[in-house]
Amino acid sequence: MPHNWQAAEARHHFTDVVDAAVEGDPQFIRRRDGREVVVISREYFEKTKPNLRQYLLTAGYAKAEDDAFDDAVRAVRDEGAAAFAPRDTDLKN
């Protein structure tokens, strides 16, 4: 079960924080200034981290409006597909 810690408390219970994260329970640590971090196991991180290919395949579909990045990705994807399409000169030879 995820646990929320204050930074000072987490510092005093560092072993408990790490052990819980390794067991698959993310540990949320909050500083006095409101900034937060999450401690997770390496295994969980590797399993859930986004990869560029997956992001590019889904880019633009989660938002209501496309932005300049989405337009650029689409242009590269379309140009890339066109680069591999057979041309008339290729078919005549």
N, C-alpha and C. Protein backbone atom coordinates (compact mmCIF):
# COMPACT_ATOMS: atom_id res chain seq x y z
N MET A 1 0.84 -1.18 0.00
CA MET A 1 0.00 0.00 0.00
C MET A 1 0.89 1.25 0.00
N PRO A 2 0.65 2.21 -0.89
CA PRO A 2 1.46 3.42 -0.93
C PRO A 2 1.40 4.16 0.41
N HIS A 3 2.47 4.82 0.74
CA HIS A 3 2.54 5.53 2.01
C HIS A 3 3.03 6.95 1.76
N ASN A 4 2.46 7.89 2.49
CA ASN A 4 2.87 9.28 2.40
C ASN A 4 3.75 9.61 3.60
N TRP A 5 4.90 10.20 3.33
CA TRP A 5 5.85 10.55 4.38
C TRP A 5 6.17 12.04 4.32
N GLN A 6 6.45 12.62 5.46
CA GLN A 6 7.10 13.92 5.50
C GLN A 6 8.59 13.63 5.31
N ALA A 7 9.33 14.55 4.72
CA ALA A 7 10.74 14.29 4.40
C ALA A 7 11.56 13.91 5.63
N ALA A 8 11.37 14.61 6.73
CA ALA A 8 12.15 14.30 7.94
C ALA A 8 11.83 12.90 8.45
N GLU A 9 10.55 12.54 8.41
CA GLU A 9 10.15 11.20 8.86
C GLU A 9 10.74 10.13 7.93
N ALA A 10 10.69 10.37 6.62
CA ALA A 10 11.23 9.42 5.66
C ALA A 10 12.73 9.25 5.85
N ARG A 11 13.42 10.33 6.19
CA ARG A 11 14.86 10.27 6.40
C ARG A 11 15.17 9.33 7.58
N HIS A 12 14.37 9.42 8.63
CA HIS A 12 14.59 8.57 9.81
C HIS A 12 14.16 7.12 9.57
N HIS A 13 13.32 6.89 8.58
CA HIS A 13 12.82 5.54 8.28
C HIS A 13 13.23 5.12 6.87
N PHE A 14 14.42 5.53 6.46
CA PHE A 14 14.87 5.29 5.09
C PHE A 14 14.80 3.82 4.71
N THR A 15 15.22 2.95 5.58
CA THR A 15 15.20 1.51 5.28
C THR A 15 13.77 1.04 5.04
N ASP A 16 12.83 1.52 5.84
CA ASP A 16 11.43 1.14 5.66
C ASP A 16 10.88 1.66 4.33
N VAL A 17 11.27 2.88 3.97
CA VAL A 17 10.83 3.46 2.69
C VAL A 17 11.34 2.62 1.54
N VAL A 18 12.62 2.28 1.56
CA VAL A 18 13.22 1.49 0.48
C VAL A 18 12.61 0.09 0.44
N ASP A 19 12.47 -0.55 1.60
CA ASP A 19 11.90 -1.90 1.64
C ASP A 19 10.49 -1.93 1.06
N ALA A 20 9.67 -0.95 1.41
CA ALA A 20 8.30 -0.90 0.89
C ALA A 20 8.29 -0.69 -0.61
N ALA A 21 9.18 0.19 -1.10
CA ALA A 21 9.26 0.44 -2.55
C ALA A 21 9.67 -0.82 -3.29
N VAL A 22 10.65 -1.54 -2.75
CA VAL A 22 11.11 -2.77 -3.38
C VAL A 22 9.99 -3.81 -3.42
N GLU A 23 9.11 -3.80 -2.43
CA GLU A 23 7.99 -4.74 -2.39
C GLU A 23 6.85 -4.33 -3.34
N GLY A 24 7.01 -3.19 -4.02
CA GLY A 24 6.02 -2.78 -5.01
C GLY A 24 5.06 -1.70 -4.53
N ASP A 25 5.32 -1.12 -3.37
CA ASP A 25 4.47 -0.06 -2.84
C ASP A 25 5.16 1.29 -3.01
N PRO A 26 4.71 2.14 -3.93
CA PRO A 26 5.32 3.45 -4.10
C PRO A 26 5.25 4.25 -2.79
N GLN A 27 6.31 4.98 -2.51
CA GLN A 27 6.39 5.78 -1.30
C GLN A 27 6.46 7.25 -1.68
N PHE A 28 5.51 8.04 -1.22
CA PHE A 28 5.42 9.45 -1.54
C PHE A 28 6.06 10.26 -0.42
N ILE A 29 7.00 11.13 -0.77
CA ILE A 29 7.71 11.92 0.23
C ILE A 29 7.51 13.40 -0.10
N ARG A 30 7.05 14.15 0.90
CA ARG A 30 6.75 15.57 0.71
C ARG A 30 7.65 16.43 1.59
N ARG A 31 8.25 17.45 0.96
CA ARG A 31 9.07 18.40 1.71
C ARG A 31 8.20 19.52 2.27
N ARG A 32 8.77 20.29 3.18
CA ARG A 32 8.03 21.41 3.77
C ARG A 32 7.58 22.42 2.73
N ASP A 33 8.38 22.58 1.69
CA ASP A 33 8.03 23.57 0.66
C ASP A 33 6.96 23.05 -0.31
N GLY A 34 6.45 21.82 -0.07
CA GLY A 34 5.38 21.28 -0.89
C GLY A 34 5.84 20.41 -2.05
N ARG A 35 7.13 20.43 -2.36
CA ARG A 35 7.63 19.60 -3.45
C ARG A 35 7.62 18.15 -3.02
N GLU A 36 7.33 17.26 -3.97
CA GLU A 36 7.19 15.85 -3.65
C GLU A 36 8.03 14.98 -4.57
N VAL A 37 8.36 13.81 -4.07
CA VAL A 37 9.02 12.78 -4.87
C VAL A 37 8.32 11.46 -4.59
N VAL A 38 8.54 10.51 -5.49
CA VAL A 38 8.00 9.17 -5.31
C VAL A 38 9.17 8.19 -5.39
N VAL A 39 9.26 7.32 -4.42
CA VAL A 39 10.29 6.28 -4.42
C VAL A 39 9.62 4.99 -4.87
N ILE A 40 10.16 4.42 -5.96
CA ILE A 40 9.64 3.16 -6.50
C ILE A 40 10.80 2.22 -6.76
N SER A 41 10.50 0.96 -6.92
CA SER A 41 11.56 -0.01 -7.21
C SER A 41 12.04 0.16 -8.65
N ARG A 42 13.24 -0.28 -8.91
CA ARG A 42 13.79 -0.25 -10.27
C ARG A 42 12.92 -1.08 -11.20
N GLU A 43 12.46 -2.23 -10.71
CA GLU A 43 11.62 -3.12 -11.51
C GLU A 43 10.33 -2.40 -11.94
N TYR A 44 9.70 -1.71 -11.01
CA TYR A 44 8.47 -0.97 -11.33
C TYR A 44 8.77 0.15 -12.32
N PHE A 45 9.87 0.85 -12.11
CA PHE A 45 10.26 1.93 -13.00
C PHE A 45 10.46 1.42 -14.42
N GLU A 46 11.21 0.33 -14.57
CA GLU A 46 11.48 -0.22 -15.90
C GLU A 46 10.20 -0.70 -16.57
N LYS A 47 9.28 -1.24 -15.79
CA LYS A 47 8.04 -1.78 -16.34
C LYS A 47 7.08 -0.67 -16.79
N THR A 48 7.12 0.48 -16.12
CA THR A 48 6.13 1.52 -16.39
C THR A 48 6.66 2.76 -17.09
N LYS A 49 7.98 2.87 -17.27
CA LYS A 49 8.49 4.09 -17.89
C LYS A 49 8.03 4.17 -19.35
N PRO A 50 7.67 5.35 -19.78
CA PRO A 50 7.26 5.50 -21.17
C PRO A 50 8.48 5.38 -22.09
N ASN A 51 8.26 4.85 -23.28
CA ASN A 51 9.35 4.84 -24.25
C ASN A 51 8.96 5.76 -25.40
N LEU A 52 9.95 6.23 -26.09
CA LEU A 52 9.73 7.21 -27.15
C LEU A 52 8.81 6.68 -28.24
N ARG A 53 9.00 5.43 -28.62
CA ARG A 53 8.18 4.85 -29.68
C ARG A 53 6.70 4.87 -29.29
N GLN A 54 6.40 4.43 -28.07
CA GLN A 54 5.01 4.40 -27.63
C GLN A 54 4.43 5.81 -27.56
N TYR A 55 5.23 6.75 -27.06
CA TYR A 55 4.75 8.13 -26.99
C TYR A 55 4.44 8.67 -28.38
N LEU A 56 5.34 8.45 -29.31
CA LEU A 56 5.14 8.99 -30.66
C LEU A 56 3.93 8.35 -31.35
N LEU A 57 3.68 7.07 -31.07
CA LEU A 57 2.52 6.41 -31.68
C LEU A 57 1.20 6.93 -31.13
N THR A 58 1.21 7.42 -29.90
CA THR A 58 -0.03 7.90 -29.29
C THR A 58 -0.08 9.42 -29.16
N ALA A 59 0.95 10.12 -29.57
CA ALA A 59 1.02 11.57 -29.41
C ALA A 59 -0.16 12.25 -30.11
N GLY A 60 -0.75 13.18 -29.40
CA GLY A 60 -1.82 13.97 -29.98
C GLY A 60 -3.20 13.39 -29.77
N TYR A 61 -3.32 12.17 -29.34
CA TYR A 61 -4.64 11.57 -29.22
C TYR A 61 -5.27 11.80 -27.85
N ALA A 62 -4.49 12.17 -26.86
CA ALA A 62 -5.02 12.37 -25.52
C ALA A 62 -5.52 13.80 -25.30
N LYS A 63 -5.15 14.71 -26.20
CA LYS A 63 -5.52 16.11 -26.03
C LYS A 63 -6.64 16.48 -26.99
N ALA A 64 -7.37 17.51 -26.62
CA ALA A 64 -8.45 17.98 -27.49
C ALA A 64 -7.89 18.66 -28.73
N GLU A 65 -6.76 19.35 -28.58
CA GLU A 65 -6.18 20.08 -29.70
C GLU A 65 -4.74 19.62 -29.94
N ASP A 66 -4.34 19.55 -31.19
CA ASP A 66 -2.96 19.24 -31.51
C ASP A 66 -2.12 20.49 -31.32
N ASP A 67 -0.85 20.30 -31.00
CA ASP A 67 0.06 21.42 -30.89
C ASP A 67 1.14 21.28 -31.96
N ALA A 68 2.12 22.16 -31.92
CA ALA A 68 3.17 22.15 -32.94
C ALA A 68 3.96 20.84 -32.92
N PHE A 69 4.18 20.28 -31.74
CA PHE A 69 4.90 19.01 -31.65
C PHE A 69 4.13 17.91 -32.35
N ASP A 70 2.82 17.83 -32.10
CA ASP A 70 2.00 16.81 -32.76
C ASP A 70 2.05 16.96 -34.28
N ASP A 71 2.00 18.21 -34.75
CA ASP A 71 2.07 18.45 -36.20
C ASP A 71 3.41 17.99 -36.77
N ALA A 72 4.50 18.26 -36.03
CA ALA A 72 5.83 17.86 -36.50
C ALA A 72 5.96 16.34 -36.53
N VAL A 73 5.47 15.66 -35.50
CA VAL A 73 5.53 14.20 -35.47
C VAL A 73 4.75 13.62 -36.63
N ARG A 74 3.58 14.14 -36.88
CA ARG A 74 2.75 13.66 -37.98
C ARG A 74 3.45 13.87 -39.32
N ALA A 75 4.10 15.02 -39.50
CA ALA A 75 4.79 15.30 -40.75
C ALA A 75 5.96 14.34 -40.95
N VAL A 76 6.71 14.08 -39.90
CA VAL A 76 7.83 13.15 -40.01
C VAL A 76 7.31 11.75 -40.31
N ARG A 77 6.24 11.36 -39.65
CA ARG A 77 5.66 10.02 -39.87
C ARG A 77 5.19 9.89 -41.32
N ASP A 78 4.51 10.93 -41.83
CA ASP A 78 4.01 10.88 -43.21
C ASP A 78 5.15 10.92 -44.22
N GLU A 79 6.16 11.75 -43.99
CA GLU A 79 7.30 11.82 -44.90
C GLU A 79 8.08 10.53 -44.87
N GLY A 80 8.20 9.95 -43.70
CA GLY A 80 8.92 8.68 -43.58
C GLY A 80 8.23 7.58 -44.35
N ALA A 81 6.92 7.53 -44.28
CA ALA A 81 6.16 6.52 -45.03
C ALA A 81 6.30 6.76 -46.52
N ALA A 82 6.30 8.02 -46.92
CA ALA A 82 6.42 8.35 -48.33
C ALA A 82 7.80 7.97 -48.87
N ALA A 83 8.81 8.05 -48.04
CA ALA A 83 10.16 7.73 -48.48
C ALA A 83 10.30 6.25 -48.84
N PHE A 84 9.47 5.41 -48.25
CA PHE A 84 9.55 3.98 -48.52
C PHE A 84 8.50 3.50 -49.52
N ALA A 85 7.65 4.39 -49.97
CA ALA A 85 6.62 4.01 -50.95
C ALA A 85 7.28 3.85 -52.33
N PRO A 86 6.85 2.88 -53.14
CA PRO A 86 7.44 2.71 -54.46
C PRO A 86 7.11 3.91 -55.35
N ARG A 87 8.10 4.32 -56.15
CA ARG A 87 7.92 5.42 -57.08
C ARG A 87 7.69 4.85 -58.47
N ASP A 88 7.12 5.65 -59.36
CA ASP A 88 6.87 5.20 -60.73
C ASP A 88 8.15 4.70 -61.39
N THR A 89 9.25 5.39 -61.17
CA THR A 89 10.53 4.98 -61.81
C THR A 89 10.98 3.62 -61.28
N ASP A 90 10.67 3.33 -60.01
CA ASP A 90 11.06 2.03 -59.44
C ASP A 90 10.26 0.91 -60.09
N LEU A 91 9.03 1.19 -60.45
CA LEU A 91 8.16 0.15 -61.01
C LEU A 91 8.51 -0.15 -62.47
N LYS A 92 9.09 0.82 -63.20
CA LYS A 92 9.40 0.64 -64.61
C LYS A 92 10.67 -0.18 -64.82
N ASN A 93 11.54 -0.23 -63.87
CA ASN A 93 12.82 -0.94 -64.04
C ASN A 93 12.68 -2.39 -63.80
